[in-house]
Amino acid sequence: REVEGDLVLGDIGYGMPFRAGSFDGAISISALQWLCQADKSYHNP
C-alpha cells in the first residue's frame, strides 16, 4: 500500500529538528482531554 507523508530521521542525542515549544500545545490539549474524561457514568468531570 502506498502512503504519503514526511519522515524524520535523526539521533535523539543530537536533538530533533522541531521548533522550540512545538509540543507544548499537544501536551496541553492531552491534559484537557484527560481532565474532561469520565471513567464511570456517575462521574461528572
PDB file of N, CA and C in Angstrom:
ATOM      1  N   ARG A   1       0.853  -1.159   0.000  1.00  0.00           N
ATOM      2  CA  ARG A   1       0.000   0.000   0.000  1.00  0.00           C
ATOM      3  C   ARG A   1       0.896   1.218   0.000  1.00  0.00           C
ATOM      4  N   GLU A   2       0.485   2.206  -0.693  1.00  0.00           N
ATOM      5  CA  GLU A   2       1.279   3.425  -0.831  1.00  0.00           C
ATOM      6  C   GLU A   2       0.825   4.472   0.186  1.00  0.00           C
ATOM      7  N   VAL A   3       1.785   5.067   0.859  1.00  0.00           N
ATOM      8  CA  VAL A   3       1.499   6.046   1.900  1.00  0.00           C
ATOM      9  C   VAL A   3       2.262   7.320   1.596  1.00  0.00           C
ATOM     10  N   GLU A   4       1.598   8.460   1.793  1.00  0.00           N
ATOM     11  CA  GLU A   4       2.263   9.744   1.599  1.00  0.00           C
ATOM     12  C   GLU A   4       2.502  10.384   2.956  1.00  0.00           C
ATOM     13  N   GLY A   5       3.559  11.157   3.053  1.00  0.00           N
ATOM     14  CA  GLY A   5       3.857  11.859   4.293  1.00  0.00           C
ATOM     15  C   GLY A   5       5.329  12.193   4.380  1.00  0.00           C
ATOM     16  N   ASP A   6       5.701  12.768   5.491  1.00  0.00           N
ATOM     17  CA  ASP A   6       7.086  13.146   5.728  1.00  0.00           C
ATOM     18  C   ASP A   6       7.708  12.197   6.742  1.00  0.00           C
ATOM     19  N   LEU A   7       9.016  12.114   6.707  1.00  0.00           N
ATOM     20  CA  LEU A   7       9.764  11.247   7.602  1.00  0.00           C
ATOM     21  C   LEU A   7      10.859  12.054   8.275  1.00  0.00           C
ATOM     22  N   VAL A   8      11.008  11.860   9.572  1.00  0.00           N
ATOM     23  CA  VAL A   8      12.087  12.500  10.314  1.00  0.00           C
ATOM     24  C   VAL A   8      13.041  11.397  10.753  1.00  0.00           C
ATOM     25  N   LEU A   9      14.283  11.528  10.361  1.00  0.00           N
ATOM     26  CA  LEU A   9      15.306  10.563  10.750  1.00  0.00           C
ATOM     27  C   LEU A   9      16.402  11.316  11.472  1.00  0.00           C
ATOM     28  N   GLY A  10      16.709  10.907  12.680  1.00  0.00           N
ATOM     29  CA  GLY A  10      17.743  11.603  13.433  1.00  0.00           C
ATOM     30  C   GLY A  10      18.128  10.841  14.677  1.00  0.00           C
ATOM     31  N   ASP A  11      19.125  11.324  15.342  1.00  0.00           N
ATOM     32  CA  ASP A  11      19.608  10.745  16.590  1.00  0.00           C
ATOM     33  C   ASP A  11      19.126  11.636  17.722  1.00  0.00           C
ATOM     34  N   ILE A  12      18.399  11.059  18.664  1.00  0.00           N
ATOM     35  CA  ILE A  12      17.836  11.852  19.749  1.00  0.00           C
ATOM     36  C   ILE A  12      18.928  12.523  20.582  1.00  0.00           C
ATOM     37  N   GLY A  13      20.125  11.980  20.551  1.00  0.00           N
ATOM     38  CA  GLY A  13      21.239  12.591  21.270  1.00  0.00           C
ATOM     39  C   GLY A  13      21.651  13.934  20.695  1.00  0.00           C
ATOM     40  N   TYR A  14      21.339  14.169  19.419  1.00  0.00           N
ATOM     41  CA  TYR A  14      21.661  15.444  18.775  1.00  0.00           C
ATOM     42  C   TYR A  14      20.468  16.388  18.741  1.00  0.00           C
ATOM     43  N   GLY A  15      19.359  15.974  19.313  1.00  0.00           N
ATOM     44  CA  GLY A  15      18.157  16.794  19.272  1.00  0.00           C
ATOM     45  C   GLY A  15      17.383  16.542  17.989  1.00  0.00           C
ATOM     46  N   MET A  16      16.145  16.940  17.970  1.00  0.00           N
ATOM     47  CA  MET A  16      15.300  16.746  16.798  1.00  0.00           C
ATOM     48  C   MET A  16      14.994  18.101  16.177  1.00  0.00           C
ATOM     49  N   PRO A  17      14.739  18.119  14.878  1.00  0.00           N
ATOM     50  CA  PRO A  17      14.561  19.400  14.176  1.00  0.00           C
ATOM     51  C   PRO A  17      13.161  20.005  14.319  1.00  0.00           C
ATOM     52  N   PHE A  18      12.711  20.190  15.544  1.00  0.00           N
ATOM     53  CA  PHE A  18      11.414  20.804  15.782  1.00  0.00           C
ATOM     54  C   PHE A  18      11.625  22.173  16.411  1.00  0.00           C
ATOM     55  N   ARG A  19      10.688  23.061  16.164  1.00  0.00           N
ATOM     56  CA  ARG A  19      10.763  24.384  16.778  1.00  0.00           C
ATOM     57  C   ARG A  19      10.578  24.274  18.286  1.00  0.00           C
ATOM     58  N   ALA A  20      11.198  25.174  19.003  1.00  0.00           N
ATOM     59  CA  ALA A  20      11.057  25.194  20.462  1.00  0.00           C
ATOM     60  C   ALA A  20       9.597  25.445  20.831  1.00  0.00           C
ATOM     61  N   GLY A  21       9.070  24.652  21.731  1.00  0.00           N
ATOM     62  CA  GLY A  21       7.694  24.823  22.191  1.00  0.00           C
ATOM     63  C   GLY A  21       6.641  24.214  21.289  1.00  0.00           C
ATOM     64  N   SER A  22       7.035  23.476  20.252  1.00  0.00           N
ATOM     65  CA  SER A  22       6.042  22.951  19.310  1.00  0.00           C
ATOM     66  C   SER A  22       5.191  21.837  19.912  1.00  0.00           C
ATOM     67  N   PHE A  23       5.645  21.196  20.979  1.00  0.00           N
ATOM     68  CA  PHE A  23       4.869  20.127  21.596  1.00  0.00           C
ATOM     69  C   PHE A  23       4.099  20.599  22.821  1.00  0.00           C
ATOM     70  N   ASP A  24       4.288  21.829  23.244  1.00  0.00           N
ATOM     71  CA  ASP A  24       3.582  22.341  24.418  1.00  0.00           C
ATOM     72  C   ASP A  24       2.074  22.332  24.209  1.00  0.00           C
ATOM     73  N   GLY A  25       1.618  22.717  23.031  1.00  0.00           N
ATOM     74  CA  GLY A  25       0.181  22.722  22.734  1.00  0.00           C
ATOM     75  C   GLY A  25      -0.402  21.329  22.726  1.00  0.00           C
ATOM     76  N   ALA A  26       0.319  20.365  22.172  1.00  0.00           N
ATOM     77  CA  ALA A  26      -0.167  18.986  22.130  1.00  0.00           C
ATOM     78  C   ALA A  26      -0.297  18.417  23.541  1.00  0.00           C
ATOM     79  N   ILE A  27       0.650  18.719  24.391  1.00  0.00           N
ATOM     80  CA  ILE A  27       0.590  18.223  25.770  1.00  0.00           C
ATOM     81  C   ILE A  27      -0.547  18.903  26.525  1.00  0.00           C
ATOM     82  N   SER A  28      -0.771  20.186  26.283  1.00  0.00           N
ATOM     83  CA  SER A  28      -1.851  20.906  26.952  1.00  0.00           C
ATOM     84  C   SER A  28      -3.212  20.350  26.551  1.00  0.00           C
ATOM     85  N   ILE A  29      -3.404  20.066  25.263  1.00  0.00           N
ATOM     86  CA  ILE A  29      -4.671  19.508  24.794  1.00  0.00           C
ATOM     87  C   ILE A  29      -4.884  18.124  25.386  1.00  0.00           C
ATOM     88  N   SER A  30      -3.828  17.326  25.458  1.00  0.00           N
ATOM     89  CA  SER A  30      -3.935  15.994  26.052  1.00  0.00           C
ATOM     90  C   SER A  30      -4.339  16.082  27.520  1.00  0.00           C
ATOM     91  N   ALA A  31      -3.783  17.038  28.242  1.00  0.00           N
ATOM     92  CA  ALA A  31      -4.136  17.212  29.654  1.00  0.00           C
ATOM     93  C   ALA A  31      -5.602  17.607  29.798  1.00  0.00           C
ATOM     94  N   LEU A  32      -6.103  18.474  28.936  1.00  0.00           N
ATOM     95  CA  LEU A  32      -7.516  18.861  28.982  1.00  0.00           C
ATOM     96  C   LEU A  32      -8.419  17.673  28.694  1.00  0.00           C
ATOM     97  N   GLN A  33      -8.060  16.853  27.708  1.00  0.00           N
ATOM     98  CA  GLN A  33      -8.858  15.665  27.405  1.00  0.00           C
ATOM     99  C   GLN A  33      -8.895  14.729  28.608  1.00  0.00           C
ATOM    100  N   TRP A  34      -7.764  14.572  29.292  1.00  0.00           N
ATOM    101  CA  TRP A  34      -7.707  13.695  30.452  1.00  0.00           C
ATOM    102  C   TRP A  34      -8.586  14.239  31.578  1.00  0.00           C
ATOM    103  N   LEU A  35      -8.570  15.542  31.784  1.00  0.00           N
ATOM    104  CA  LEU A  35      -9.370  16.140  32.847  1.00  0.00           C
ATOM    105  C   LEU A  35     -10.864  16.053  32.566  1.00  0.00           C
ATOM    106  N   CYS A  36     -11.246  16.039  31.291  1.00  0.00           N
ATOM    107  CA  CYS A  36     -12.664  16.041  30.920  1.00  0.00           C
ATOM    108  C   CYS A  36     -13.218  14.643  30.661  1.00  0.00           C
ATOM    109  N   GLN A  37     -12.437  13.619  30.925  1.00  0.00           N
ATOM    110  CA  GLN A  37     -12.876  12.253  30.668  1.00  0.00           C
ATOM    111  C   GLN A  37     -13.561  11.686  31.903  1.00  0.00           C
ATOM    112  N   ALA A  38     -14.725  11.087  31.702  1.00  0.00           N
ATOM    113  CA  ALA A  38     -15.434  10.419  32.789  1.00  0.00           C
ATOM    114  C   ALA A  38     -15.255   8.914  32.631  1.00  0.00           C
ATOM    115  N   ASP A  39     -14.700   8.267  33.652  1.00  0.00           N
ATOM    116  CA  ASP A  39     -14.491   6.821  33.594  1.00  0.00           C
ATOM    117  C   ASP A  39     -15.754   6.036  33.933  1.00  0.00           C
ATOM    118  N   LYS A  40     -16.592   6.607  34.727  1.00  0.00           N
ATOM    119  CA  LYS A  40     -17.836   5.948  35.137  1.00  0.00           C
ATOM    120  C   LYS A  40     -19.009   6.838  34.757  1.00  0.00           C
ATOM    121  N   SER A  41     -20.170   6.239  34.606  1.00  0.00           N
ATOM    122  CA  SER A  41     -21.347   7.010  34.197  1.00  0.00           C
ATOM    123  C   SER A  41     -21.773   8.017  35.264  1.00  0.00           C
ATOM    124  N   TYR A  42     -21.436   7.765  36.534  1.00  0.00           N
ATOM    125  CA  TYR A  42     -21.824   8.691  37.598  1.00  0.00           C
ATOM    126  C   TYR A  42     -20.783   9.785  37.847  1.00  0.00           C
ATOM    127  N   HIS A  43     -19.637   9.731  37.177  1.00  0.00           N
ATOM    128  CA  HIS A  43     -18.632  10.795  37.302  1.00  0.00           C
ATOM    129  C   HIS A  43     -19.097  12.038  36.559  1.00  0.00           C
ATOM    130  N   ASN A  44     -18.807  13.180  37.113  1.00  0.00           N
ATOM    131  CA  ASN A  44     -19.156  14.447  36.484  1.00  0.00           C
ATOM    132  C   ASN A  44     -17.866  15.251  36.328  1.00  0.00           C
ATOM    133  N   PRO A  45     -17.185  15.130  35.165  1.00  0.00           N
ATOM    134  CA  PRO A  45     -15.873  15.798  35.006  1.00  0.00           C
ATOM    135  C   PRO A  45     -15.957  17.300  35.014  1.00  0.00           C
TER     136      PRO A  45
END
